N, C-alpha and C. Protein backbone atom coordinates (compact mmCIF):
# COMPACT_ATOMS: atom_id res chain seq x y z
N MET A 1 291.26 165.22 -48.05
CA MET A 1 292.09 165.87 -49.10
C MET A 1 293.04 166.75 -48.45
N LEU A 2 294.25 166.86 -48.94
CA LEU A 2 295.41 167.61 -48.45
C LEU A 2 295.16 169.15 -48.73
N LEU A 3 294.55 169.47 -49.81
CA LEU A 3 294.34 170.81 -50.24
C LEU A 3 293.09 171.45 -49.52
N SER A 4 293.21 172.63 -49.06
CA SER A 4 292.04 173.26 -48.40
C SER A 4 291.07 173.62 -49.46
N SER A 5 289.85 173.82 -48.94
CA SER A 5 288.73 174.19 -49.89
C SER A 5 289.12 175.44 -50.67
N SER A 6 289.75 176.50 -50.08
CA SER A 6 290.14 177.65 -50.81
C SER A 6 290.99 177.31 -51.93
N CYS A 7 291.99 176.41 -51.66
CA CYS A 7 292.96 175.98 -52.74
C CYS A 7 292.24 175.28 -53.87
N ARG A 8 291.33 174.34 -53.47
CA ARG A 8 290.55 173.53 -54.59
C ARG A 8 289.73 174.60 -55.35
N TYR A 9 289.04 175.59 -54.75
CA TYR A 9 288.35 176.63 -55.41
C TYR A 9 289.14 177.41 -56.33
N ALA A 10 290.41 177.87 -55.90
CA ALA A 10 291.33 178.68 -56.68
C ALA A 10 291.76 177.76 -57.89
N LEU A 11 291.98 176.52 -57.79
CA LEU A 11 292.35 175.67 -58.87
C LEU A 11 291.20 175.62 -59.80
N ARG A 12 290.02 175.34 -59.33
CA ARG A 12 288.79 175.20 -60.13
C ARG A 12 288.63 176.50 -60.99
N ALA A 13 288.67 177.72 -60.36
CA ALA A 13 288.50 179.04 -60.95
C ALA A 13 289.54 179.25 -61.89
N SER A 14 290.80 178.89 -61.69
CA SER A 14 292.03 179.11 -62.63
C SER A 14 291.85 178.24 -63.79
N ILE A 15 291.47 177.01 -63.62
CA ILE A 15 291.20 176.20 -64.78
C ILE A 15 290.08 176.61 -65.55
N TYR A 16 289.00 177.13 -65.02
CA TYR A 16 287.92 177.74 -65.74
C TYR A 16 288.34 178.90 -66.58
N LEU A 17 289.10 179.68 -65.98
CA LEU A 17 289.70 180.98 -66.78
C LEU A 17 290.57 180.46 -67.93
N ALA A 18 291.38 179.40 -67.68
CA ALA A 18 292.26 178.86 -68.86
C ALA A 18 291.40 178.29 -69.94
N GLN A 19 290.22 177.80 -69.67
CA GLN A 19 289.34 177.43 -70.77
C GLN A 19 288.64 178.40 -71.52
N GLN A 20 288.74 179.68 -71.09
CA GLN A 20 288.06 180.74 -71.88
C GLN A 20 289.10 181.29 -72.96
N PRO A 21 288.51 181.91 -73.91
CA PRO A 21 289.49 182.50 -74.95
C PRO A 21 290.38 183.35 -74.33
N GLU A 22 291.69 183.35 -74.77
CA GLU A 22 292.79 184.12 -74.13
C GLU A 22 292.40 185.61 -74.06
N GLY A 23 292.64 186.15 -72.97
CA GLY A 23 292.45 187.55 -72.82
C GLY A 23 291.01 188.00 -72.36
N LYS A 24 289.99 187.02 -72.49
CA LYS A 24 288.67 187.32 -72.19
C LYS A 24 288.37 187.41 -70.76
N PHE A 25 287.82 188.56 -70.41
CA PHE A 25 287.30 188.81 -69.05
C PHE A 25 285.96 188.06 -68.74
N VAL A 26 286.03 187.38 -67.69
CA VAL A 26 284.80 186.62 -67.30
C VAL A 26 284.10 187.30 -66.03
N ALA A 27 282.86 187.58 -66.09
CA ALA A 27 282.09 188.16 -65.07
C ALA A 27 282.27 187.22 -63.81
N THR A 28 282.46 187.92 -62.70
CA THR A 28 282.66 187.01 -61.40
C THR A 28 281.43 186.32 -61.13
N LYS A 29 280.19 186.83 -61.39
CA LYS A 29 279.02 186.14 -61.07
C LYS A 29 278.79 184.99 -62.01
N GLU A 30 279.27 185.02 -63.20
CA GLU A 30 279.20 183.86 -64.10
C GLU A 30 280.02 182.78 -63.60
N MET A 31 281.33 183.15 -63.18
CA MET A 31 282.19 182.04 -62.61
C MET A 31 281.57 181.43 -61.37
N CYS A 32 280.99 182.18 -60.45
CA CYS A 32 280.39 181.69 -59.32
C CYS A 32 279.23 180.68 -59.63
N ALA A 33 278.34 181.10 -60.60
CA ALA A 33 277.22 180.24 -61.04
C ALA A 33 277.75 178.93 -61.67
N SER A 34 278.79 179.05 -62.53
CA SER A 34 279.35 178.00 -63.24
C SER A 34 280.04 176.92 -62.28
N LEU A 35 280.86 177.42 -61.22
CA LEU A 35 281.59 176.66 -60.42
C LEU A 35 280.92 176.31 -59.07
N GLY A 36 279.79 176.95 -58.83
CA GLY A 36 279.05 176.69 -57.55
C GLY A 36 279.87 177.16 -56.38
N ILE A 37 280.52 178.36 -56.45
CA ILE A 37 281.22 179.09 -55.33
C ILE A 37 280.51 180.24 -54.99
N SER A 38 280.38 180.54 -53.71
CA SER A 38 279.84 181.83 -53.36
C SER A 38 280.61 182.96 -53.85
N PHE A 39 279.95 184.12 -54.21
CA PHE A 39 280.52 185.29 -54.60
C PHE A 39 281.60 185.80 -53.74
N HIS A 40 281.32 186.02 -52.45
CA HIS A 40 282.28 186.64 -51.56
C HIS A 40 283.44 185.65 -51.35
N TYR A 41 283.32 184.44 -51.27
CA TYR A 41 284.32 183.55 -51.14
C TYR A 41 285.24 183.53 -52.34
N LEU A 42 284.65 183.54 -53.48
CA LEU A 42 285.51 183.54 -54.70
C LEU A 42 286.27 184.87 -54.79
N ILE A 43 285.65 186.04 -54.43
CA ILE A 43 286.37 187.33 -54.39
C ILE A 43 287.60 187.28 -53.61
N LYS A 44 287.47 186.71 -52.38
CA LYS A 44 288.65 186.56 -51.45
C LYS A 44 289.75 185.79 -52.10
N ILE A 45 289.40 184.72 -52.73
CA ILE A 45 290.47 183.78 -53.28
C ILE A 45 291.06 184.54 -54.53
N MET A 46 290.27 185.21 -55.29
CA MET A 46 290.74 185.98 -56.42
C MET A 46 291.74 187.03 -56.06
N GLN A 47 291.45 187.69 -54.91
CA GLN A 47 292.27 188.80 -54.51
C GLN A 47 293.69 188.28 -54.20
N LYS A 48 293.74 187.02 -53.67
CA LYS A 48 295.14 186.51 -53.41
C LYS A 48 295.76 186.20 -54.73
N LEU A 49 295.04 185.56 -55.64
CA LEU A 49 295.73 185.26 -57.01
C LEU A 49 296.03 186.62 -57.72
N ASN A 50 295.26 187.62 -57.54
CA ASN A 50 295.56 188.83 -58.18
C ASN A 50 296.84 189.47 -57.59
N LYS A 51 296.92 189.38 -56.26
CA LYS A 51 298.09 189.95 -55.60
C LYS A 51 299.47 189.30 -56.10
N HIS A 52 299.36 188.02 -56.42
CA HIS A 52 300.48 187.28 -56.94
C HIS A 52 300.58 187.23 -58.39
N ASN A 53 299.91 188.11 -59.05
CA ASN A 53 299.90 188.23 -60.59
C ASN A 53 299.58 186.99 -61.35
N LEU A 54 298.66 186.21 -60.75
CA LEU A 54 298.24 185.04 -61.48
C LEU A 54 297.03 185.25 -62.25
N ILE A 55 296.07 186.26 -61.78
CA ILE A 55 294.95 186.64 -62.53
C ILE A 55 294.94 188.21 -62.40
N GLN A 56 294.01 188.69 -63.37
CA GLN A 56 293.94 190.13 -63.45
C GLN A 56 292.48 190.44 -63.29
N SER A 57 292.07 191.54 -62.60
CA SER A 57 290.60 191.89 -62.48
C SER A 57 290.61 193.23 -63.15
N GLU A 58 289.26 193.45 -63.56
CA GLU A 58 289.02 194.78 -64.17
C GLU A 58 287.50 195.14 -63.82
N ARG A 59 287.27 196.38 -63.41
CA ARG A 59 285.95 196.70 -62.88
C ARG A 59 285.20 197.16 -64.10
N GLY A 60 283.92 197.21 -63.99
CA GLY A 60 283.09 197.92 -65.02
C GLY A 60 282.18 196.81 -65.82
N THR A 61 281.41 197.25 -66.78
CA THR A 61 280.50 196.44 -67.51
C THR A 61 281.28 195.41 -68.34
N LYS A 62 282.42 195.85 -68.86
CA LYS A 62 283.18 194.95 -69.75
C LYS A 62 284.32 194.23 -68.95
N GLY A 63 284.33 194.47 -67.62
CA GLY A 63 285.35 193.94 -66.79
C GLY A 63 285.15 192.39 -66.37
N GLY A 64 285.84 192.04 -65.32
CA GLY A 64 285.64 190.73 -64.93
C GLY A 64 287.01 190.20 -64.48
N ILE A 65 287.33 188.95 -64.57
CA ILE A 65 288.58 188.26 -64.24
C ILE A 65 289.08 187.50 -65.48
N ARG A 66 290.43 187.55 -65.62
CA ARG A 66 291.11 186.67 -66.47
C ARG A 66 292.51 186.38 -66.00
N LEU A 67 293.10 185.44 -66.68
CA LEU A 67 294.44 185.03 -66.31
C LEU A 67 295.36 186.29 -66.59
N ALA A 68 296.36 186.53 -65.67
CA ALA A 68 297.30 187.71 -65.85
C ALA A 68 298.27 187.45 -67.00
N ARG A 69 298.50 186.17 -67.35
CA ARG A 69 299.49 185.88 -68.50
C ARG A 69 299.07 184.50 -69.09
N ALA A 70 299.78 184.07 -70.00
CA ALA A 70 299.39 182.90 -70.75
C ALA A 70 299.26 181.64 -69.89
N ALA A 71 298.31 180.85 -70.19
CA ALA A 71 298.01 179.64 -69.30
C ALA A 71 299.19 178.75 -69.22
N ASN A 72 299.98 178.73 -70.27
CA ASN A 72 301.27 177.86 -70.29
C ASN A 72 302.31 178.36 -69.36
N SER A 73 302.17 179.50 -68.80
CA SER A 73 303.13 180.04 -67.88
C SER A 73 302.75 180.16 -66.42
N ILE A 74 301.40 179.51 -66.12
CA ILE A 74 300.90 179.51 -64.81
C ILE A 74 300.96 178.06 -64.44
N PHE A 75 301.59 177.61 -63.42
CA PHE A 75 301.68 176.18 -63.10
C PHE A 75 300.76 175.94 -61.88
N ILE A 76 300.37 174.71 -61.73
CA ILE A 76 299.52 174.44 -60.55
C ILE A 76 300.10 174.65 -59.19
N LYS A 77 301.45 174.46 -59.19
CA LYS A 77 302.29 174.69 -57.97
C LYS A 77 302.19 176.20 -57.54
N ASP A 78 302.17 177.11 -58.66
CA ASP A 78 301.99 178.51 -58.32
C ASP A 78 300.77 178.84 -57.42
N ILE A 79 299.67 178.21 -57.97
CA ILE A 79 298.36 178.51 -57.32
C ILE A 79 298.34 177.84 -55.86
N ILE A 80 298.86 176.65 -55.83
CA ILE A 80 298.86 176.03 -54.56
C ILE A 80 299.71 176.78 -53.50
N GLU A 81 300.81 177.23 -53.98
CA GLU A 81 301.74 178.09 -52.92
C GLU A 81 301.09 179.36 -52.68
N THR A 82 300.42 179.95 -53.61
CA THR A 82 299.71 181.23 -53.28
C THR A 82 298.65 181.09 -52.27
N ILE A 83 297.96 180.04 -52.26
CA ILE A 83 296.67 179.88 -51.45
C ILE A 83 297.21 179.23 -50.09
N GLU A 84 298.08 178.18 -50.22
CA GLU A 84 298.36 177.40 -49.00
C GLU A 84 299.66 177.89 -48.30
N GLY A 85 300.45 178.65 -49.05
CA GLY A 85 301.80 179.15 -48.54
C GLY A 85 302.89 178.29 -49.12
N GLU A 86 304.11 178.83 -49.16
CA GLU A 86 305.14 178.19 -49.68
C GLU A 86 305.59 176.95 -48.93
N SER A 87 305.21 176.89 -47.65
CA SER A 87 305.61 175.82 -46.72
C SER A 87 304.71 174.59 -46.99
N PHE A 88 303.70 174.65 -47.89
CA PHE A 88 302.86 173.44 -48.07
C PHE A 88 303.58 172.25 -48.49
N PHE A 89 304.57 172.40 -49.33
CA PHE A 89 305.37 171.22 -49.85
C PHE A 89 306.49 170.78 -48.86
N THR A 90 306.74 171.53 -47.86
CA THR A 90 307.84 171.18 -46.93
C THR A 90 307.38 170.78 -45.59
N LYS A 91 306.08 171.09 -45.15
CA LYS A 91 305.69 170.68 -43.87
C LYS A 91 305.14 169.28 -43.78
N CYS A 92 305.17 168.79 -42.53
CA CYS A 92 304.71 167.48 -42.20
C CYS A 92 303.30 167.21 -42.61
N VAL A 93 303.04 166.03 -43.20
CA VAL A 93 301.61 165.70 -43.61
C VAL A 93 300.83 165.58 -42.40
N LEU A 94 301.22 165.18 -41.16
CA LEU A 94 300.54 165.01 -39.97
C LEU A 94 300.49 166.31 -39.13
N GLY A 95 301.31 167.31 -39.56
CA GLY A 95 301.28 168.70 -38.85
C GLY A 95 302.34 168.76 -37.82
N PHE A 96 303.26 167.82 -37.60
CA PHE A 96 304.27 167.93 -36.48
C PHE A 96 305.21 169.00 -36.98
N PRO A 97 305.58 169.96 -36.05
CA PRO A 97 306.44 171.03 -36.37
C PRO A 97 307.96 170.77 -36.75
N ASN A 98 308.40 169.66 -36.11
CA ASN A 98 309.87 169.26 -36.18
C ASN A 98 310.03 167.92 -36.91
N CYS A 99 309.08 167.58 -37.77
CA CYS A 99 309.25 166.21 -38.47
C CYS A 99 310.36 166.17 -39.31
N GLY A 100 311.21 165.04 -39.25
CA GLY A 100 312.35 164.93 -40.02
C GLY A 100 313.43 164.14 -39.13
N ALA A 101 314.50 163.77 -39.90
CA ALA A 101 315.55 163.10 -39.09
C ALA A 101 316.00 163.89 -37.86
N PRO A 102 316.06 163.37 -36.68
CA PRO A 102 315.78 161.94 -36.33
C PRO A 102 314.41 161.73 -35.84
N ASP A 103 313.59 162.86 -35.70
CA ASP A 103 312.32 162.66 -35.17
C ASP A 103 311.14 162.57 -36.25
N GLU A 104 311.10 161.50 -37.07
CA GLU A 104 310.17 161.46 -38.11
C GLU A 104 308.81 160.93 -37.69
N CYS A 105 307.82 161.36 -38.24
CA CYS A 105 306.44 160.97 -37.87
C CYS A 105 306.24 159.60 -38.62
N ALA A 106 305.09 158.97 -38.23
CA ALA A 106 304.82 157.65 -38.79
C ALA A 106 304.63 157.53 -40.28
N LEU A 107 304.33 158.74 -40.95
CA LEU A 107 304.17 158.66 -42.40
C LEU A 107 305.34 159.28 -43.13
N HIS A 108 306.33 159.74 -42.50
CA HIS A 108 307.34 160.65 -43.08
C HIS A 108 307.97 159.89 -44.25
N LYS A 109 308.53 158.70 -44.11
CA LYS A 109 309.22 158.10 -45.28
C LYS A 109 308.24 157.93 -46.56
N GLU A 110 307.06 157.50 -46.30
CA GLU A 110 306.10 157.25 -47.42
C GLU A 110 305.65 158.66 -48.04
N TRP A 111 305.50 159.63 -47.09
CA TRP A 111 305.01 160.96 -47.64
C TRP A 111 306.14 161.63 -48.41
N VAL A 112 307.49 161.45 -48.03
CA VAL A 112 308.46 162.07 -48.88
C VAL A 112 308.40 161.59 -50.28
N ALA A 113 308.22 160.37 -50.57
CA ALA A 113 308.08 159.77 -52.00
C ALA A 113 306.82 160.40 -52.61
N VAL A 114 305.74 160.34 -51.92
CA VAL A 114 304.46 160.88 -52.61
C VAL A 114 304.57 162.33 -52.87
N LYS A 115 305.14 163.09 -51.86
CA LYS A 115 305.32 164.59 -51.98
C LYS A 115 306.21 164.79 -53.16
N GLY A 116 307.29 164.06 -53.36
CA GLY A 116 308.18 164.37 -54.46
C GLY A 116 307.50 164.19 -55.77
N ASN A 117 306.57 163.24 -55.88
CA ASN A 117 305.87 162.97 -57.14
C ASN A 117 304.89 164.17 -57.33
N LEU A 118 304.27 164.52 -56.34
CA LEU A 118 303.31 165.76 -56.42
C LEU A 118 303.95 166.97 -56.84
N ILE A 119 305.11 167.21 -56.22
CA ILE A 119 305.83 168.55 -56.59
C ILE A 119 306.28 168.44 -58.08
N VAL A 120 306.71 167.36 -58.50
CA VAL A 120 307.00 167.25 -59.93
C VAL A 120 305.86 167.53 -60.75
N PHE A 121 304.74 166.85 -60.44
CA PHE A 121 303.53 166.93 -61.30
C PHE A 121 302.96 168.48 -61.21
N PHE A 122 302.91 169.03 -60.06
CA PHE A 122 302.34 170.36 -59.95
C PHE A 122 303.27 171.42 -60.46
N SER A 123 304.62 171.14 -60.46
CA SER A 123 305.54 172.09 -61.03
C SER A 123 305.63 172.01 -62.51
N GLU A 124 305.29 170.91 -63.18
CA GLU A 124 305.40 170.67 -64.55
C GLU A 124 304.01 170.91 -65.35
N THR A 125 302.88 170.97 -64.54
CA THR A 125 301.59 171.07 -65.17
C THR A 125 301.03 172.42 -65.12
N SER A 126 301.00 172.96 -66.31
CA SER A 126 300.52 174.40 -66.37
C SER A 126 298.94 174.40 -66.58
N LEU A 127 298.35 175.50 -66.45
CA LEU A 127 296.90 175.66 -66.76
C LEU A 127 296.53 175.30 -68.18
N ALA A 128 297.52 175.44 -69.06
CA ALA A 128 297.35 175.18 -70.49
C ALA A 128 296.96 173.69 -70.70
N TYR A 129 297.44 172.86 -69.78
CA TYR A 129 297.11 171.34 -69.93
C TYR A 129 295.60 171.15 -69.75
N PHE A 130 294.91 171.98 -68.93
CA PHE A 130 293.47 171.79 -68.78
C PHE A 130 292.65 172.63 -69.59
N SER A 131 293.23 173.52 -70.49
CA SER A 131 292.52 174.48 -71.25
C SER A 131 291.84 173.72 -72.56
N ASP A 132 292.23 172.56 -72.81
CA ASP A 132 291.67 171.93 -74.02
C ASP A 132 290.48 171.16 -73.47
N ASN A 133 289.26 171.68 -73.85
CA ASN A 133 287.94 171.06 -73.36
C ASN A 133 287.84 169.72 -73.76
N ASP A 134 288.35 169.33 -74.96
CA ASP A 134 288.23 167.91 -75.47
C ASP A 134 288.91 167.02 -74.57
N ARG A 135 290.16 167.41 -74.15
CA ARG A 135 290.94 166.65 -73.21
C ARG A 135 290.20 166.48 -71.90
N MET A 136 289.51 167.54 -71.46
CA MET A 136 288.82 167.46 -70.18
C MET A 136 287.76 166.53 -70.21
N ASN A 137 287.17 166.36 -71.44
CA ASN A 137 285.96 165.53 -71.53
C ASN A 137 286.47 163.99 -71.60
N ASP A 138 287.73 163.72 -71.69
CA ASP A 138 288.24 162.44 -71.87
C ASP A 138 288.77 161.94 -70.51
N MET A 139 289.79 161.13 -70.49
CA MET A 139 290.26 160.55 -69.25
C MET A 139 290.64 161.42 -68.18
N ASN A 140 291.16 162.58 -68.48
CA ASN A 140 291.58 163.56 -67.41
C ASN A 140 290.45 164.04 -66.44
N GLN A 141 289.25 164.04 -66.99
CA GLN A 141 288.15 164.76 -66.19
C GLN A 141 288.06 164.00 -64.88
N GLU A 142 288.08 162.73 -64.80
CA GLU A 142 287.95 162.05 -63.53
C GLU A 142 289.16 162.39 -62.61
N PHE A 143 290.28 162.50 -63.13
CA PHE A 143 291.47 162.83 -62.19
C PHE A 143 291.31 164.27 -61.72
N VAL A 144 290.98 165.23 -62.62
CA VAL A 144 290.94 166.66 -62.20
C VAL A 144 289.71 166.68 -61.14
N SER A 145 288.68 166.08 -61.34
CA SER A 145 287.58 166.05 -60.41
C SER A 145 288.05 165.61 -59.07
N ALA A 146 288.79 164.52 -59.10
CA ALA A 146 289.19 164.02 -57.77
C ALA A 146 290.09 164.92 -57.20
N LEU A 147 291.12 165.56 -57.97
CA LEU A 147 292.06 166.39 -57.40
C LEU A 147 291.47 167.73 -56.79
N LEU A 148 290.36 168.10 -57.39
CA LEU A 148 289.66 169.33 -57.03
C LEU A 148 288.50 169.04 -56.12
N ASN A 149 288.26 167.77 -55.72
CA ASN A 149 287.18 167.30 -54.91
C ASN A 149 285.91 167.86 -55.26
N LYS A 150 285.69 167.89 -56.53
CA LYS A 150 284.41 168.51 -57.08
C LYS A 150 283.20 167.69 -56.85
């Protein structure tokens, strides 16, 4: 899988938050139990998302984590770039530092086409797309599970 485990967990957690009633804080321990992610690992990921204003955290008995804004304004690409870095969509799939004309790697031409489709999908798909639980139970569940390597 091209996405790191941190990124997959960030996507899973963000989708989980999008499926909650808007504005509802979710206890971190509840998220950990539901998603099967260790508490300390999830906290590190959530700190990055919080720093980039994608989620909001609140301490205390009524606190927890929630999306920082409406699910339809947070796109999958935002989360990926926050965790993987902005160069994720521009770097070589094989990790060569100077991949491109004239020194293309063996996968360059094929990867450019695939990468273009991924960028469009991730840029146009907001968390709101995944917030409909009925939709998640239908045909998209398999795709999302594969994407998130669940």
